[in-house]
Amino acid sequence: MASDEQLEKEFRRIDKDHDNSITIDELRKYYLPMQEMLGVKPELAEQEIQGLLKRLDTDNSGTISFEGIDLFIYIFIELFCFF
């Protein structure tokens, strides 16, 4: 499992405008290329992105906030555990 520091660094890498939240566009830019490399169809990848946002948008703002490392651990597992 990645350290808290690694997870925070990864969150910040996805959060391109550094506003402590990840928009759906930021998530797409990060997630779609990885899924494409794995041969996942764009439609399925988009469904996964929408699902992530729905599960992790705790305040219905349309973004994923970094309100605690536990929430980001979930994102990390969802995005990077393809095995």
C-alpha atoms as a PDB file:
ATOM      1  CA  MET A   1       0.000   0.000   0.000  1.00  0.00           C
ATOM      2  CA  ALA A   2       1.260   3.473  -0.789  1.00  0.00           C
ATOM      3  CA  SER A   3       2.193   5.898   1.961  1.00  0.00           C
ATOM      4  CA  ASP A   4       0.032   8.896   2.845  1.00  0.00           C
ATOM      5  CA  GLU A   5       2.674  11.125   1.262  1.00  0.00           C
ATOM      6  CA  GLN A   6       2.574   9.175  -2.005  1.00  0.00           C
ATOM      7  CA  LEU A   7      -1.215   9.305  -2.090  1.00  0.00           C
ATOM      8  CA  GLU A   8      -1.270  13.037  -1.476  1.00  0.00           C
ATOM      9  CA  LYS A   9       1.342  13.541  -4.198  1.00  0.00           C
ATOM     10  CA  GLU A  10      -0.799  11.528  -6.619  1.00  0.00           C
ATOM     11  CA  PHE A  11      -3.899  13.542  -5.704  1.00  0.00           C
ATOM     12  CA  ARG A  12      -2.001  16.753  -6.371  1.00  0.00           C
ATOM     13  CA  ARG A  13      -0.806  15.394  -9.701  1.00  0.00           C
ATOM     14  CA  ILE A  14      -4.410  14.800 -10.787  1.00  0.00           C
ATOM     15  CA  ASP A  15      -5.542  18.177  -9.356  1.00  0.00           C
ATOM     16  CA  LYS A  16      -4.013  20.249 -12.160  1.00  0.00           C
ATOM     17  CA  ASP A  17      -5.321  23.629 -10.960  1.00  0.00           C
ATOM     18  CA  HIS A  18      -4.277  22.924  -7.348  1.00  0.00           C
ATOM     19  CA  ASP A  19      -7.614  23.882  -5.831  1.00  0.00           C
ATOM     20  CA  ASN A  20      -7.700  20.793  -3.562  1.00  0.00           C
ATOM     21  CA  SER A  21     -10.409  19.155  -5.634  1.00  0.00           C
ATOM     22  CA  ILE A  22     -10.492  16.980  -8.718  1.00  0.00           C
ATOM     23  CA  THR A  23     -12.952  17.894 -11.453  1.00  0.00           C
ATOM     24  CA  ILE A  24     -14.362  15.353 -13.859  1.00  0.00           C
ATOM     25  CA  ASP A  25     -12.189  16.852 -16.621  1.00  0.00           C
ATOM     26  CA  GLU A  26      -9.051  16.453 -14.489  1.00  0.00           C
ATOM     27  CA  LEU A  27     -10.045  12.872 -13.716  1.00  0.00           C
ATOM     28  CA  ARG A  28     -10.644  12.150 -17.419  1.00  0.00           C
ATOM     29  CA  LYS A  29      -7.273  13.578 -18.465  1.00  0.00           C
ATOM     30  CA  TYR A  30      -5.560  11.348 -15.947  1.00  0.00           C
ATOM     31  CA  TYR A  31      -7.666   8.203 -16.169  1.00  0.00           C
ATOM     32  CA  LEU A  32      -8.485   7.814 -19.876  1.00  0.00           C
ATOM     33  CA  PRO A  33      -4.907   7.398 -21.165  1.00  0.00           C
ATOM     34  CA  MET A  34      -4.241   4.646 -18.612  1.00  0.00           C
ATOM     35  CA  GLN A  35      -7.423   2.835 -19.557  1.00  0.00           C
ATOM     36  CA  GLU A  36      -6.622   3.208 -23.254  1.00  0.00           C
ATOM     37  CA  MET A  37      -3.224   1.568 -22.674  1.00  0.00           C
ATOM     38  CA  LEU A  38      -5.030  -1.342 -21.011  1.00  0.00           C
ATOM     39  CA  GLY A  39      -7.410  -1.697 -23.952  1.00  0.00           C
ATOM     40  CA  VAL A  40     -10.504  -0.498 -22.094  1.00  0.00           C
ATOM     41  CA  LYS A  41     -13.114   0.926 -24.451  1.00  0.00           C
ATOM     42  CA  PRO A  42     -13.656   4.693 -24.034  1.00  0.00           C
ATOM     43  CA  GLU A  43     -17.339   4.188 -23.234  1.00  0.00           C
ATOM     44  CA  LEU A  44     -16.540   1.824 -20.370  1.00  0.00           C
ATOM     45  CA  ALA A  45     -13.798   4.114 -19.069  1.00  0.00           C
ATOM     46  CA  GLU A  46     -16.249   7.029 -19.089  1.00  0.00           C
ATOM     47  CA  GLN A  47     -18.753   4.945 -17.111  1.00  0.00           C
ATOM     48  CA  GLU A  48     -16.027   4.198 -14.559  1.00  0.00           C
ATOM     49  CA  ILE A  49     -15.144   7.893 -14.303  1.00  0.00           C
ATOM     50  CA  GLN A  50     -18.784   8.838 -13.793  1.00  0.00           C
ATOM     51  CA  GLY A  51     -19.087   6.131 -11.139  1.00  0.00           C
ATOM     52  CA  LEU A  52     -15.999   7.351  -9.302  1.00  0.00           C
ATOM     53  CA  LEU A  53     -17.315  10.887  -9.248  1.00  0.00           C
ATOM     54  CA  LYS A  54     -20.717   9.753  -8.050  1.00  0.00           C
ATOM     55  CA  ARG A  55     -19.227   7.707  -5.196  1.00  0.00           C
ATOM     56  CA  LEU A  56     -16.598  10.222  -4.140  1.00  0.00           C
ATOM     57  CA  ASP A  57     -18.372  13.564  -4.556  1.00  0.00           C
ATOM     58  CA  THR A  58     -19.404  13.713  -0.912  1.00  0.00           C
ATOM     59  CA  ASP A  59     -20.799  17.257  -1.039  1.00  0.00           C
ATOM     60  CA  ASN A  60     -22.502  17.096  -4.467  1.00  0.00           C
ATOM     61  CA  SER A  61     -20.229  19.836  -5.822  1.00  0.00           C
ATOM     62  CA  GLY A  62     -19.316  17.949  -8.986  1.00  0.00           C
ATOM     63  CA  THR A  63     -15.747  17.486  -7.746  1.00  0.00           C
ATOM     64  CA  ILE A  64     -13.743  15.105  -5.591  1.00  0.00           C
ATOM     65  CA  SER A  65     -12.294  16.924  -2.594  1.00  0.00           C
ATOM     66  CA  PHE A  66      -9.224  16.005  -0.631  1.00  0.00           C
ATOM     67  CA  GLU A  67     -10.857  16.059   2.786  1.00  0.00           C
ATOM     68  CA  GLY A  68      -8.947  13.136   4.190  1.00  0.00           C
ATOM     69  CA  ILE A  69      -6.447  10.575   3.102  1.00  0.00           C
ATOM     70  CA  ASP A  70      -8.931   7.714   3.648  1.00  0.00           C
ATOM     71  CA  LEU A  71     -11.061   9.005   0.771  1.00  0.00           C
ATOM     72  CA  PHE A  72      -8.066   9.250  -1.522  1.00  0.00           C
ATOM     73  CA  ILE A  73      -6.973   5.713  -0.680  1.00  0.00           C
ATOM     74  CA  TYR A  74     -10.256   4.605  -2.224  1.00  0.00           C
ATOM     75  CA  ILE A  75      -9.546   6.637  -5.369  1.00  0.00           C
ATOM     76  CA  PHE A  76      -6.036   5.243  -5.541  1.00  0.00           C
ATOM     77  CA  ILE A  77      -7.292   1.666  -5.321  1.00  0.00           C
ATOM     78  CA  GLU A  78     -10.009   2.313  -7.929  1.00  0.00           C
ATOM     79  CA  LEU A  79      -7.579   3.892 -10.388  1.00  0.00           C
ATOM     80  CA  PHE A  80      -4.473   1.787  -9.962  1.00  0.00           C
ATOM     81  CA  CYS A  81      -5.462  -1.726  -8.975  1.00  0.00           C
ATOM     82  CA  PHE A  82      -6.194  -3.347 -12.286  1.00  0.00           C
ATOM     83  CA  PHE A  83      -4.935  -6.789 -11.263  1.00  0.00           C
END
